[in-house]
C-alpha atoms as a PDB file:
ATOM      1  CA  MET A   1      63.075 -20.224 -30.725  1.00  0.00           C
ATOM      2  CA  ASP A   2      65.571 -18.475 -32.944  1.00  0.00           C
ATOM      3  CA  LEU A   3      63.398 -15.626 -34.203  1.00  0.00           C
ATOM      4  CA  PRO A   4      64.158 -12.260 -35.796  1.00  0.00           C
ATOM      5  CA  LEU A   5      62.987  -8.938 -34.468  1.00  0.00           C
ATOM      6  CA  LEU A   6      59.292  -8.420 -35.309  1.00  0.00           C
ATOM      7  CA  PRO A   7      58.541 -12.116 -35.906  1.00  0.00           C
ATOM      8  CA  THR A   8      55.562 -12.902 -38.123  1.00  0.00           C
ATOM      9  CA  THR A   9      52.896 -15.513 -37.495  1.00  0.00           C
ATOM     10  CA  LEU A  10      49.236 -16.359 -38.015  1.00  0.00           C
ATOM     11  CA  VAL A  11      46.615 -16.091 -35.330  1.00  0.00           C
ATOM     12  CA  GLY A  12      45.919 -19.731 -36.143  1.00  0.00           C
ATOM     13  CA  SER A  13      43.729 -20.626 -39.095  1.00  0.00           C
ATOM     14  CA  TYR A  14      44.414 -20.592 -42.834  1.00  0.00           C
ATOM     15  CA  PRO A  15      41.856 -21.203 -45.629  1.00  0.00           C
ATOM     16  CA  GLN A  16      40.930 -24.830 -46.161  1.00  0.00           C
ATOM     17  CA  PRO A  17      41.003 -25.991 -49.802  1.00  0.00           C
ATOM     18  CA  ASP A  18      37.664 -26.038 -51.610  1.00  0.00           C
ATOM     19  CA  TRP A  19      38.198 -29.725 -52.388  1.00  0.00           C
ATOM     20  CA  LEU A  20      38.335 -30.437 -48.638  1.00  0.00           C
ATOM     21  CA  VAL A  21      35.416 -28.430 -47.227  1.00  0.00           C
ATOM     22  CA  ASP A  22      32.165 -27.010 -48.553  1.00  0.00           C
ATOM     23  CA  LYS A  23      32.680 -23.289 -47.955  1.00  0.00           C
ATOM     24  CA  LYS A  24      29.004 -22.522 -48.555  1.00  0.00           C
ATOM     25  CA  VAL A  25      28.019 -24.766 -45.638  1.00  0.00           C
ATOM     26  CA  LEU A  26      30.554 -23.012 -43.406  1.00  0.00           C
ATOM     27  CA  LEU A  27      29.468 -19.534 -44.438  1.00  0.00           C
ATOM     28  CA  ASP A  28      25.754 -20.302 -44.195  1.00  0.00           C
ATOM     29  CA  HIS A  29      25.991 -21.582 -40.617  1.00  0.00           C
ATOM     30  CA  GLY A  30      28.710 -19.472 -39.034  1.00  0.00           C
ATOM     31  CA  PRO A  31      31.492 -20.945 -36.870  1.00  0.00           C
ATOM     32  CA  PRO A  32      30.064 -24.263 -35.616  1.00  0.00           C
ATOM     33  CA  ARG A  33      29.950 -24.886 -31.854  1.00  0.00           C
ATOM     34  CA  VAL A  34      28.963 -28.546 -32.157  1.00  0.00           C
ATOM     35  CA  ARG A  35      30.199 -31.066 -34.714  1.00  0.00           C
ATOM     36  CA  MET A  36      29.273 -30.314 -38.337  1.00  0.00           C
ATOM     37  CA  ARG A  37      30.547 -33.252 -40.375  1.00  0.00           C
ATOM     38  CA  GLU A  38      28.600 -32.159 -43.428  1.00  0.00           C
ATOM     39  CA  VAL A  39      31.262 -29.513 -44.184  1.00  0.00           C
ATOM     40  CA  TRP A  40      33.726 -32.190 -45.321  1.00  0.00           C
ATOM     41  CA  ARG A  41      33.717 -33.061 -49.027  1.00  0.00           C
ATOM     42  CA  VAL A  42      36.024 -36.080 -48.598  1.00  0.00           C
ATOM     43  CA  PRO A  43      34.484 -39.351 -47.370  1.00  0.00           C
ATOM     44  CA  GLU A  44      35.514 -40.547 -43.922  1.00  0.00           C
ATOM     45  CA  PRO A  45      37.830 -43.386 -45.079  1.00  0.00           C
ATOM     46  CA  HIS A  46      40.031 -40.848 -46.915  1.00  0.00           C
ATOM     47  CA  LEU A  47      39.464 -37.772 -44.759  1.00  0.00           C
ATOM     48  CA  ALA A  48      42.542 -38.032 -42.518  1.00  0.00           C
ATOM     49  CA  GLU A  49      44.867 -38.392 -45.521  1.00  0.00           C
ATOM     50  CA  ALA A  50      43.188 -35.456 -47.251  1.00  0.00           C
ATOM     51  CA  GLN A  51      43.583 -33.343 -44.118  1.00  0.00           C
ATOM     52  CA  ASP A  52      47.291 -34.237 -43.978  1.00  0.00           C
ATOM     53  CA  ASP A  53      47.664 -33.018 -47.569  1.00  0.00           C
ATOM     54  CA  ALA A  54      45.801 -29.792 -46.759  1.00  0.00           C
ATOM     55  CA  VAL A  55      48.051 -29.164 -43.766  1.00  0.00           C
ATOM     56  CA  LEU A  56      51.117 -29.510 -45.987  1.00  0.00           C
ATOM     57  CA  LEU A  57      49.652 -27.019 -48.462  1.00  0.00           C
ATOM     58  CA  ALA A  58      49.012 -24.523 -45.661  1.00  0.00           C
ATOM     59  CA  VAL A  59      52.462 -24.956 -44.129  1.00  0.00           C
ATOM     60  CA  ARG A  60      54.197 -24.545 -47.492  1.00  0.00           C
ATOM     61  CA  ASP A  61      52.191 -21.364 -48.179  1.00  0.00           C
ATOM     62  CA  MET A  62      53.309 -19.940 -44.840  1.00  0.00           C
ATOM     63  CA  GLU A  63      56.921 -20.900 -45.467  1.00  0.00           C
ATOM     64  CA  ARG A  64      56.910 -19.460 -48.999  1.00  0.00           C
ATOM     65  CA  ALA A  65      55.366 -16.255 -47.724  1.00  0.00           C
ATOM     66  CA  GLY A  66      58.174 -15.972 -45.180  1.00  0.00           C
ATOM     67  CA  LEU A  67      56.350 -16.405 -41.861  1.00  0.00           C
ATOM     68  CA  ASP A  68      58.616 -17.062 -38.897  1.00  0.00           C
ATOM     69  CA  ILE A  69      56.152 -19.072 -36.772  1.00  0.00           C
ATOM     70  CA  VAL A  70      53.862 -21.461 -38.644  1.00  0.00           C
ATOM     71  CA  THR A  71      50.676 -23.264 -37.645  1.00  0.00           C
ATOM     72  CA  ASP A  72      48.880 -26.236 -39.141  1.00  0.00           C
ATOM     73  CA  GLY A  73      46.267 -23.780 -40.409  1.00  0.00           C
ATOM     74  CA  GLU A  74      43.661 -25.514 -38.213  1.00  0.00           C
ATOM     75  CA  VAL A  75      42.586 -27.230 -41.438  1.00  0.00           C
ATOM     76  CA  ARG A  76      41.523 -30.420 -39.617  1.00  0.00           C
ATOM     77  CA  ARG A  77      38.884 -28.469 -37.705  1.00  0.00           C
ATOM     78  CA  GLU A  78      35.370 -27.403 -38.540  1.00  0.00           C
ATOM     79  CA  SER A  79      35.996 -24.362 -36.328  1.00  0.00           C
ATOM     80  CA  TYR A  80      38.582 -23.070 -33.879  1.00  0.00           C
ATOM     81  CA  PHE A  81      36.170 -24.075 -31.113  1.00  0.00           C
ATOM     82  CA  ASN A  82      34.231 -27.254 -31.750  1.00  0.00           C
ATOM     83  CA  HIS A  83      37.036 -29.745 -32.393  1.00  0.00           C
ATOM     84  CA  PHE A  84      38.388 -29.506 -28.854  1.00  0.00           C
ATOM     85  CA  ALA A  85      35.205 -28.518 -27.009  1.00  0.00           C
ATOM     86  CA  ASN A  86      33.290 -31.570 -28.223  1.00  0.00           C
ATOM     87  CA  ALA A  87      36.139 -34.034 -27.626  1.00  0.00           C
ATOM     88  CA  LEU A  88      35.762 -33.783 -23.852  1.00  0.00           C
ATOM     89  CA  GLU A  89      33.875 -36.148 -21.570  1.00  0.00           C
ATOM     90  CA  GLY A  90      30.777 -34.636 -19.990  1.00  0.00           C
ATOM     91  CA  ILE A  91      29.251 -33.336 -23.247  1.00  0.00           C
ATOM     92  CA  ASP A  92      26.039 -34.802 -24.681  1.00  0.00           C
ATOM     93  CA  LEU A  93      26.993 -35.017 -28.343  1.00  0.00           C
ATOM     94  CA  ASP A  94      23.612 -36.378 -29.420  1.00  0.00           C
ATOM     95  CA  ARG A  95      21.446 -33.697 -27.822  1.00  0.00           C
ATOM     96  CA  PRO A  96      23.195 -30.318 -27.918  1.00  0.00           C
ATOM     97  CA  GLY A  97      21.974 -27.241 -26.106  1.00  0.00           C
ATOM     98  CA  GLU A  98      20.937 -23.910 -27.606  1.00  0.00           C
ATOM     99  CA  MET A  99      21.763 -20.266 -26.976  1.00  0.00           C
ATOM    100  CA  PRO A 100      21.900 -16.921 -28.827  1.00  0.00           C
ATOM    101  CA  SER A 101      24.966 -16.347 -30.994  1.00  0.00           C
ATOM    102  CA  ARG A 102      27.039 -13.187 -31.031  1.00  0.00           C
ATOM    103  CA  ILE A 103      24.569 -11.648 -33.499  1.00  0.00           C
ATOM    104  CA  GLY A 104      21.423 -12.925 -31.785  1.00  0.00           C
ATOM    105  CA  THR A 105      20.528 -16.028 -33.794  1.00  0.00           C
ATOM    106  CA  ILE A 106      19.850 -19.270 -31.897  1.00  0.00           C
ATOM    107  CA  ILE A 107      22.651 -21.807 -32.406  1.00  0.00           C
ATOM    108  CA  PRO A 108      23.391 -25.320 -31.114  1.00  0.00           C
ATOM    109  CA  VAL A 109      26.097 -25.429 -28.446  1.00  0.00           C
ATOM    110  CA  PRO A 110      27.718 -28.126 -26.297  1.00  0.00           C
ATOM    111  CA  ARG A 111      25.445 -29.286 -23.481  1.00  0.00           C
ATOM    112  CA  VAL A 112      27.341 -30.104 -20.297  1.00  0.00           C
ATOM    113  CA  VAL A 113      25.682 -33.044 -18.542  1.00  0.00           C
ATOM    114  CA  GLY A 114      28.565 -34.439 -16.463  1.00  0.00           C
ATOM    115  CA  PRO A 115      32.092 -33.694 -15.225  1.00  0.00           C
ATOM    116  CA  ILE A 116      34.286 -32.131 -17.926  1.00  0.00           C
ATOM    117  CA  ARG A 117      37.316 -34.352 -18.398  1.00  0.00           C
ATOM    118  CA  ARG A 118      39.948 -34.683 -21.095  1.00  0.00           C
ATOM    119  CA  THR A 119      40.248 -38.433 -21.492  1.00  0.00           C
ATOM    120  CA  ARG A 120      42.643 -38.297 -24.452  1.00  0.00           C
ATOM    121  CA  PRO A 121      44.837 -35.783 -26.293  1.00  0.00           C
ATOM    122  CA  VAL A 122      42.903 -33.890 -28.958  1.00  0.00           C
ATOM    123  CA  GLU A 123      45.460 -31.980 -31.055  1.00  0.00           C
ATOM    124  CA  LEU A 124      48.551 -34.027 -30.219  1.00  0.00           C
ATOM    125  CA  GLU A 125      48.772 -35.986 -33.483  1.00  0.00           C
ATOM    126  CA  ALA A 126      48.193 -32.776 -35.448  1.00  0.00           C
ATOM    127  CA  ALA A 127      51.013 -31.162 -33.471  1.00  0.00           C
ATOM    128  CA  ARG A 128      53.374 -34.042 -34.167  1.00  0.00           C
ATOM    129  CA  PHE A 129      52.546 -33.897 -37.870  1.00  0.00           C
ATOM    130  CA  LEU A 130      53.246 -30.160 -37.967  1.00  0.00           C
ATOM    131  CA  ARG A 131      56.510 -30.521 -36.041  1.00  0.00           C
ATOM    132  CA  ALA A 132      57.686 -33.279 -38.419  1.00  0.00           C
ATOM    133  CA  ASN A 133      56.956 -31.213 -41.529  1.00  0.00           C
ATOM    134  CA  THR A 134      58.625 -27.865 -40.895  1.00  0.00           C
ATOM    135  CA  THR A 135      61.927 -26.646 -39.540  1.00  0.00           C
ATOM    136  CA  ARG A 136      60.406 -23.327 -38.479  1.00  0.00           C
ATOM    137  CA  ALA A 137      59.000 -22.382 -35.118  1.00  0.00           C
ATOM    138  CA  THR A 138      55.497 -23.725 -34.596  1.00  0.00           C
ATOM    139  CA  LYS A 139      52.233 -22.774 -32.887  1.00  0.00           C
ATOM    140  CA  ILE A 140      49.057 -24.715 -32.054  1.00  0.00           C
ATOM    141  CA  THR A 141      45.849 -23.174 -30.702  1.00  0.00           C
ATOM    142  CA  VAL A 142      42.975 -24.448 -28.544  1.00  0.00           C
ATOM    143  CA  PRO A 143      39.818 -22.666 -27.346  1.00  0.00           C
ATOM    144  CA  GLY A 144      40.120 -21.030 -23.945  1.00  0.00           C
ATOM    145  CA  PRO A 145      38.177 -22.003 -20.804  1.00  0.00           C
ATOM    146  CA  PHE A 146      36.181 -18.774 -20.523  1.00  0.00           C
ATOM    147  CA  THR A 147      34.968 -18.867 -24.126  1.00  0.00           C
ATOM    148  CA  MET A 148      34.048 -22.555 -23.854  1.00  0.00           C
ATOM    149  CA  THR A 149      32.047 -21.700 -20.727  1.00  0.00           C
ATOM    150  CA  MET A 150      30.225 -18.857 -22.468  1.00  0.00           C
ATOM    151  CA  LEU A 151      29.362 -21.186 -25.365  1.00  0.00           C
ATOM    152  CA  ALA A 152      28.059 -24.104 -23.318  1.00  0.00           C
ATOM    153  CA  GLN A 153      24.668 -24.911 -21.855  1.00  0.00           C
ATOM    154  CA  ASN A 154      25.604 -25.875 -18.306  1.00  0.00           C
ATOM    155  CA  GLN A 155      23.338 -28.541 -16.828  1.00  0.00           C
ATOM    156  CA  HIS A 156      25.848 -30.046 -14.398  1.00  0.00           C
ATOM    157  CA  TYR A 157      28.014 -27.523 -12.550  1.00  0.00           C
ATOM    158  CA  PRO A 158      26.636 -25.169  -9.882  1.00  0.00           C
ATOM    159  CA  ASP A 159      27.933 -22.036 -11.607  1.00  0.00           C
ATOM    160  CA  ASP A 160      29.982 -20.763 -14.550  1.00  0.00           C
ATOM    161  CA  ARG A 161      33.159 -20.334 -12.520  1.00  0.00           C
ATOM    162  CA  THR A 162      33.216 -24.016 -11.552  1.00  0.00           C
ATOM    163  CA  LEU A 163      32.602 -25.034 -15.167  1.00  0.00           C
ATOM    164  CA  ALA A 164      35.368 -22.710 -16.373  1.00  0.00           C
ATOM    165  CA  MET A 165      37.864 -24.208 -13.952  1.00  0.00           C
ATOM    166  CA  ALA A 166      36.991 -27.706 -15.190  1.00  0.00           C
ATOM    167  CA  TYR A 167      37.546 -26.560 -18.770  1.00  0.00           C
ATOM    168  CA  ALA A 168      40.812 -24.938 -17.663  1.00  0.00           C
ATOM    169  CA  ALA A 169      42.124 -28.222 -16.261  1.00  0.00           C
ATOM    170  CA  ALA A 170      41.370 -29.934 -19.588  1.00  0.00           C
ATOM    171  CA  VAL A 171      43.101 -27.166 -21.557  1.00  0.00           C
ATOM    172  CA  ASN A 172      46.111 -27.305 -19.229  1.00  0.00           C
ATOM    173  CA  ALA A 173      46.630 -31.018 -19.855  1.00  0.00           C
ATOM    174  CA  GLU A 174      46.325 -30.465 -23.607  1.00  0.00           C
ATOM    175  CA  LEU A 175      48.842 -27.608 -23.660  1.00  0.00           C
ATOM    176  CA  LYS A 176      51.402 -29.622 -21.719  1.00  0.00           C
ATOM    177  CA  ASP A 177      51.132 -32.458 -24.230  1.00  0.00           C
ATOM    178  CA  LEU A 178      51.536 -30.004 -27.113  1.00  0.00           C
ATOM    179  CA  LYS A 179      54.663 -28.561 -25.542  1.00  0.00           C
ATOM    180  CA  ALA A 180      56.071 -32.041 -24.952  1.00  0.00           C
ATOM    181  CA  ALA A 181      55.539 -32.733 -28.665  1.00  0.00           C
ATOM    182  CA  GLY A 182      57.899 -29.858 -29.508  1.00  0.00           C
ATOM    183  CA  ILE A 183      55.430 -27.073 -30.259  1.00  0.00           C
ATOM    184  CA  ASP A 184      57.069 -23.725 -29.556  1.00  0.00           C
ATOM    185  CA  VAL A 185      54.045 -21.498 -28.879  1.00  0.00           C
ATOM    186  CA  VAL A 186      50.685 -22.634 -27.532  1.00  0.00           C
ATOM    187  CA  GLN A 187      47.743 -20.262 -27.738  1.00  0.00           C
ATOM    188  CA  ILE A 188      44.289 -20.209 -26.177  1.00  0.00           C
ATOM    189  CA  ASP A 189      41.544 -18.381 -28.053  1.00  0.00           C
ATOM    190  CA  GLU A 190      39.284 -16.201 -25.894  1.00  0.00           C
ATOM    191  CA  PRO A 191      37.068 -14.153 -28.224  1.00  0.00           C
ATOM    192  CA  TYR A 192      34.268 -13.996 -25.651  1.00  0.00           C
ATOM    193  CA  LEU A 193      36.253 -12.051 -23.041  1.00  0.00           C
ATOM    194  CA  SER A 194      35.527  -8.538 -24.266  1.00  0.00           C
ATOM    195  CA  PRO A 195      31.832  -9.037 -25.183  1.00  0.00           C
ATOM    196  CA  ASN A 196      31.306 -10.477 -21.675  1.00  0.00           C
ATOM    197  CA  ALA A 197      33.648  -8.189 -19.778  1.00  0.00           C
ATOM    198  CA  GLU A 198      31.695  -8.065 -16.504  1.00  0.00           C
ATOM    199  CA  ARG A 199      31.485 -11.843 -16.226  1.00  0.00           C
ATOM    200  CA  ALA A 200      35.106 -12.106 -17.357  1.00  0.00           C
ATOM    201  CA  ARG A 201      36.170  -9.929 -14.434  1.00  0.00           C
ATOM    202  CA  ASP A 202      34.582 -12.419 -12.053  1.00  0.00           C
ATOM    203  CA  PHE A 203      36.606 -15.503 -12.999  1.00  0.00           C
ATOM    204  CA  ALA A 204      38.269 -15.351 -16.453  1.00  0.00           C
ATOM    205  CA  LEU A 205      41.777 -14.525 -15.247  1.00  0.00           C
ATOM    206  CA  GLU A 206      41.640 -17.330 -12.691  1.00  0.00           C
ATOM    207  CA  ALA A 207      40.557 -19.794 -15.381  1.00  0.00           C
ATOM    208  CA  ILE A 208      43.174 -18.625 -17.881  1.00  0.00           C
ATOM    209  CA  ASP A 209      45.950 -18.882 -15.315  1.00  0.00           C
ATOM    210  CA  ARG A 210      44.790 -22.383 -14.371  1.00  0.00           C
ATOM    211  CA  ALA A 211      44.893 -23.325 -18.062  1.00  0.00           C
ATOM    212  CA  LEU A 212      48.455 -22.008 -18.385  1.00  0.00           C
ATOM    213  CA  ASP A 213      49.753 -23.257 -15.025  1.00  0.00           C
ATOM    214  CA  GLY A 214      53.068 -25.056 -15.426  1.00  0.00           C
ATOM    215  CA  VAL A 215      53.062 -24.804 -19.231  1.00  0.00           C
ATOM    216  CA  PRO A 216      56.657 -24.048 -20.242  1.00  0.00           C
ATOM    217  CA  GLY A 217      57.838 -21.551 -22.834  1.00  0.00           C
ATOM    218  CA  PRO A 218      55.806 -18.964 -24.758  1.00  0.00           C
ATOM    219  CA  THR A 219      52.048 -18.995 -24.176  1.00  0.00           C
ATOM    220  CA  ALA A 220      49.508 -16.709 -25.819  1.00  0.00           C
ATOM    221  CA  VAL A 221      45.921 -15.509 -25.377  1.00  0.00           C
ATOM    222  CA  HIS A 222      44.040 -14.341 -28.471  1.00  0.00           C
ATOM    223  CA  LEU A 223      41.178 -11.844 -28.264  1.00  0.00           C
ATOM    224  CA  CYS A 224      38.980 -11.620 -31.330  1.00  0.00           C
ATOM    225  CA  MET A 225      36.130  -9.239 -32.134  1.00  0.00           C
ATOM    226  CA  GLY A 226      34.520 -11.833 -34.390  1.00  0.00           C
ATOM    227  CA  TYR A 227      35.109 -13.019 -37.934  1.00  0.00           C
ATOM    228  CA  SER A 228      34.530 -10.211 -40.404  1.00  0.00           C
ATOM    229  CA  TYR A 229      31.876 -12.081 -42.343  1.00  0.00           C
ATOM    230  CA  VAL A 230      29.829 -12.377 -39.111  1.00  0.00           C
ATOM    231  CA  VAL A 231      30.568  -9.104 -37.290  1.00  0.00           C
ATOM    232  CA  LYS A 232      30.248  -6.267 -39.783  1.00  0.00           C
ATOM    233  CA  LYS A 233      30.903  -3.343 -37.442  1.00  0.00           C
ATOM    234  CA  LYS A 234      33.623  -3.751 -34.868  1.00  0.00           C
ATOM    235  CA  PRO A 235      34.226  -1.592 -31.788  1.00  0.00           C
ATOM    236  CA  GLU A 236      37.264   0.656 -31.752  1.00  0.00           C
ATOM    237  CA  GLY A 237      38.417  -0.691 -28.406  1.00  0.00           C
ATOM    238  CA  TYR A 238      38.383  -3.706 -26.090  1.00  0.00           C
ATOM    239  CA  ALA A 239      36.209  -3.801 -22.983  1.00  0.00           C
ATOM    240  CA  PHE A 240      38.546  -6.407 -21.469  1.00  0.00           C
ATOM    241  CA  LEU A 241      42.246  -6.066 -22.277  1.00  0.00           C
ATOM    242  CA  PRO A 242      44.338  -4.276 -19.616  1.00  0.00           C
ATOM    243  CA  GLU A 243      43.232  -6.988 -17.183  1.00  0.00           C
ATOM    244  CA  LEU A 244      45.318  -9.495 -19.161  1.00  0.00           C
ATOM    245  CA  ALA A 245      48.505  -7.786 -18.002  1.00  0.00           C
ATOM    246  CA  ARG A 246      48.043  -9.879 -14.839  1.00  0.00           C
ATOM    247  CA  THR A 247      47.861 -13.279 -16.554  1.00  0.00           C
ATOM    248  CA  ARG A 248      50.577 -15.908 -16.875  1.00  0.00           C
ATOM    249  CA  ALA A 249      50.427 -15.567 -20.679  1.00  0.00           C
ATOM    250  CA  ALA A 250      53.582 -14.210 -22.273  1.00  0.00           C
ATOM    251  CA  GLN A 251      51.770 -12.962 -25.391  1.00  0.00           C
ATOM    252  CA  ILE A 252      48.456 -11.213 -25.999  1.00  0.00           C
ATOM    253  CA  SER A 253      46.962 -11.219 -29.517  1.00  0.00           C
ATOM    254  CA  ILE A 254      44.581  -8.427 -30.597  1.00  0.00           C
ATOM    255  CA  GLU A 255      42.801  -7.076 -33.644  1.00  0.00           C
ATOM    256  CA  ALA A 256      43.938  -3.612 -34.678  1.00  0.00           C
ATOM    257  CA  ALA A 257      43.708  -3.068 -38.452  1.00  0.00           C
ATOM    258  CA  GLU A 258      40.012  -3.558 -39.266  1.00  0.00           C
ATOM    259  CA  PRO A 259      38.604  -1.915 -36.097  1.00  0.00           C
ATOM    260  CA  LYS A 260      41.198   0.884 -36.374  1.00  0.00           C
ATOM    261  CA  LEU A 261      42.071   0.249 -32.755  1.00  0.00           C
ATOM    262  CA  ASN A 262      43.307   3.127 -30.634  1.00  0.00           C
ATOM    263  CA  LEU A 263      46.830   1.798 -30.126  1.00  0.00           C
ATOM    264  CA  THR A 264      47.431   3.749 -26.943  1.00  0.00           C
ATOM    265  CA  ILE A 265      45.881   0.730 -25.216  1.00  0.00           C
ATOM    266  CA  LEU A 266      49.113  -1.157 -25.914  1.00  0.00           C
ATOM    267  CA  ARG A 267      50.604   0.765 -23.003  1.00  0.00           C
ATOM    268  CA  SER A 268      48.251  -1.129 -20.704  1.00  0.00           C
ATOM    269  CA  LEU A 269      50.104  -4.428 -21.294  1.00  0.00           C
ATOM    270  CA  PRO A 270      53.547  -3.789 -19.754  1.00  0.00           C
ATOM    271  CA  GLY A 271      55.820  -6.793 -19.846  1.00  0.00           C
ATOM    272  CA  LYS A 272      53.727  -8.652 -22.425  1.00  0.00           C
ATOM    273  CA  SER A 273      54.619  -9.362 -26.010  1.00  0.00           C
ATOM    274  CA  VAL A 274      51.692  -8.352 -28.194  1.00  0.00           C
ATOM    275  CA  MET A 275      50.563  -9.896 -31.476  1.00  0.00           C
ATOM    276  CA  VAL A 276      49.205  -6.813 -33.183  1.00  0.00           C
ATOM    277  CA  GLY A 277      46.811  -7.392 -36.054  1.00  0.00           C
ATOM    278  CA  VAL A 278      48.064  -5.562 -39.154  1.00  0.00           C
ATOM    279  CA  LEU A 279      45.895  -7.211 -41.848  1.00  0.00           C
ATOM    280  CA  ASP A 280      42.303  -6.025 -42.353  1.00  0.00           C
ATOM    281  CA  LEU A 281      40.353  -9.226 -42.976  1.00  0.00           C
ATOM    282  CA  GLY A 282      37.147  -7.349 -43.751  1.00  0.00           C
ATOM    283  CA  ASP A 283      38.737  -6.012 -46.938  1.00  0.00           C
ATOM    284  CA  MET A 284      39.306  -8.446 -49.796  1.00  0.00           C
ATOM    285  CA  ALA A 285      41.952  -6.147 -51.264  1.00  0.00           C
ATOM    286  CA  ILE A 286      45.502  -7.333 -50.615  1.00  0.00           C
ATOM    287  CA  GLU A 287      47.389  -4.636 -48.746  1.00  0.00           C
ATOM    288  CA  THR A 288      50.720  -3.443 -50.082  1.00  0.00           C
ATOM    289  CA  PRO A 289      53.766  -4.024 -47.886  1.00  0.00           C
ATOM    290  CA  GLU A 290      53.965  -0.259 -47.457  1.00  0.00           C
ATOM    291  CA  VAL A 291      50.462  -0.075 -45.961  1.00  0.00           C
ATOM    292  CA  VAL A 292      51.217  -2.937 -43.575  1.00  0.00           C
ATOM    293  CA  ALA A 293      54.572  -1.399 -42.659  1.00  0.00           C
ATOM    294  CA  ARG A 294      52.791   1.797 -41.596  1.00  0.00           C
ATOM    295  CA  ARG A 295      50.544  -0.244 -39.313  1.00  0.00           C
ATOM    296  CA  ILE A 296      53.562  -1.945 -37.771  1.00  0.00           C
ATOM    297  CA  GLU A 297      55.280   1.406 -37.231  1.00  0.00           C
ATOM    298  CA  ALA A 298      52.139   2.810 -35.627  1.00  0.00           C
ATOM    299  CA  ALA A 299      52.274   0.019 -33.042  1.00  0.00           C
ATOM    300  CA  LEU A 300      55.963   0.689 -32.456  1.00  0.00           C
ATOM    301  CA  ALA A 301      55.024   4.115 -31.132  1.00  0.00           C
ATOM    302  CA  TYR A 302      53.657   2.307 -28.057  1.00  0.00           C
ATOM    303  CA  LEU A 303      55.594  -0.974 -27.944  1.00  0.00           C
ATOM    304  CA  PRO A 304      59.328  -1.657 -28.109  1.00  0.00           C
ATOM    305  CA  PRO A 305      60.194  -3.823 -31.121  1.00  0.00           C
ATOM    306  CA  GLU A 306      61.310  -6.656 -28.826  1.00  0.00           C
ATOM    307  CA  ARG A 307      57.700  -7.050 -27.658  1.00  0.00           C
ATOM    308  CA  LEU A 308      55.895  -6.721 -31.003  1.00  0.00           C
ATOM    309  CA  ILE A 309      54.774  -9.790 -32.952  1.00  0.00           C
ATOM    310  CA  VAL A 310      53.290  -9.169 -36.389  1.00  0.00           C
ATOM    311  CA  ALA A 311      50.080 -11.054 -37.242  1.00  0.00           C
ATOM    312  CA  PRO A 312      46.732 -10.795 -39.036  1.00  0.00           C
ATOM    313  CA  ASP A 313      43.791  -9.421 -37.075  1.00  0.00           C
ATOM    314  CA  CYS A 314      42.184 -12.843 -36.739  1.00  0.00           C
ATOM    315  CA  GLY A 315      42.097 -16.259 -38.365  1.00  0.00           C
ATOM    316  CA  LEU A 316      42.227 -16.385 -42.168  1.00  0.00           C
ATOM    317  CA  LYS A 317      39.861 -19.377 -42.443  1.00  0.00           C
ATOM    318  CA  TYR A 318      37.034 -17.597 -44.271  1.00  0.00           C
ATOM    319  CA  LEU A 319      39.145 -15.760 -46.873  1.00  0.00           C
ATOM    320  CA  PRO A 320      39.807 -17.083 -50.375  1.00  0.00           C
ATOM    321  CA  ARG A 321      43.179 -18.800 -50.286  1.00  0.00           C
ATOM    322  CA  SER A 322      44.662 -16.483 -52.933  1.00  0.00           C
ATOM    323  CA  VAL A 323      43.690 -13.441 -50.890  1.00  0.00           C
ATOM    324  CA  ALA A 324      45.006 -14.937 -47.651  1.00  0.00           C
ATOM    325  CA  TYR A 325      48.313 -15.846 -49.279  1.00  0.00           C
ATOM    326  CA  GLY A 326      48.716 -12.390 -50.814  1.00  0.00           C
ATOM    327  CA  LYS A 327      48.031 -10.747 -47.474  1.00  0.00           C
ATOM    328  CA  ILE A 328      50.543 -12.828 -45.519  1.00  0.00           C
ATOM    329  CA  CYS A 329      53.188 -12.220 -48.214  1.00  0.00           C
ATOM    330  CA  ALA A 330      52.628  -8.483 -47.804  1.00  0.00           C
ATOM    331  CA  MET A 331      52.815  -8.858 -44.024  1.00  0.00           C
ATOM    332  CA  ALA A 332      56.099 -10.760 -44.102  1.00  0.00           C
ATOM    333  CA  GLU A 333      57.641  -8.257 -46.528  1.00  0.00           C
ATOM    334  CA  ALA A 334      56.431  -5.314 -44.428  1.00  0.00           C
ATOM    335  CA  ALA A 335      57.994  -6.798 -41.300  1.00  0.00           C
ATOM    336  CA  ARG A 336      61.247  -7.301 -43.215  1.00  0.00           C
ATOM    337  CA  GLN A 337      61.241  -3.664 -44.351  1.00  0.00           C
ATOM    338  CA  VAL A 338      60.572  -2.292 -40.876  1.00  0.00           C
ATOM    339  CA  ARG A 339      63.119  -4.690 -39.350  1.00  0.00           C
ATOM    340  CA  THR A 340      65.741  -3.423 -41.800  1.00  0.00           C
ATOM    341  CA  ARG A 341      65.011   0.189 -40.889  1.00  0.00           C
ATOM    342  CA  LEU A 342      65.284  -0.616 -37.205  1.00  0.00           C
END
């Protein structure tokens, strides 16, 4: 990748157009863990074409804003999680399981009833479409093996570690196909690491490294504290972060702006590039480039510029598109200003 100093990117998602999805359904139910086809406004015979159009809108917004690494906005997905997690063999799609959500409500989740296997590529066609429609560096994300394990009702494997390793093998095959399709950065999303730190210390690093084994080029792990519309009060630190210094991942992605993260923790990731969140997604106000630039410079007190990647705190999926676009424009301009000063 031919990237400038302080490259800018998204964590993954971008707002889906209102003509494509029913935002009220999404907001009323929270991020779906099983399939939720009722979110789509476009009938099935025309849905794929509509999703293509929405991807192009998202990519053009990112290009116009000036982002260096673009995604497909994850606009073909009902959530970051369920598109991949429910495409695997071994899941009973007709009779999901149940478990408490992050905020304590009971939600449907994938129910594992047989061996987890990836029988076909899941995001490959989306990756090819993205690669064919931009000249910029690209990124595609998939849910990570630990988070999929934490959000599954396991009725097949003897323990969570064994399930996580099966998920990791499926993720590994997917990432290799994405790389072969020309995607520059592949990212696994692991928002359940920090809330489940003790269990993560038992087997998460092993599962993540299995997922990334043999995957060429830049790889990333994203840690999220939860979408702002779900998690109203975020901790000021991560319970599971320094441990990721030992993973194969080249990049670690963290929230920093909204939780007002103590950035000294960046010192605990030597040798890693870090996607530092500089957009507060809990605030509908669009930051000025000067505000974002100060957040970037605060991170530079603990990271050399060669290892800092500029990003939002989390996915932009649940923001109004106008707000999301304004924020990423401010982010790209802030990175340009700081880059010029450097």
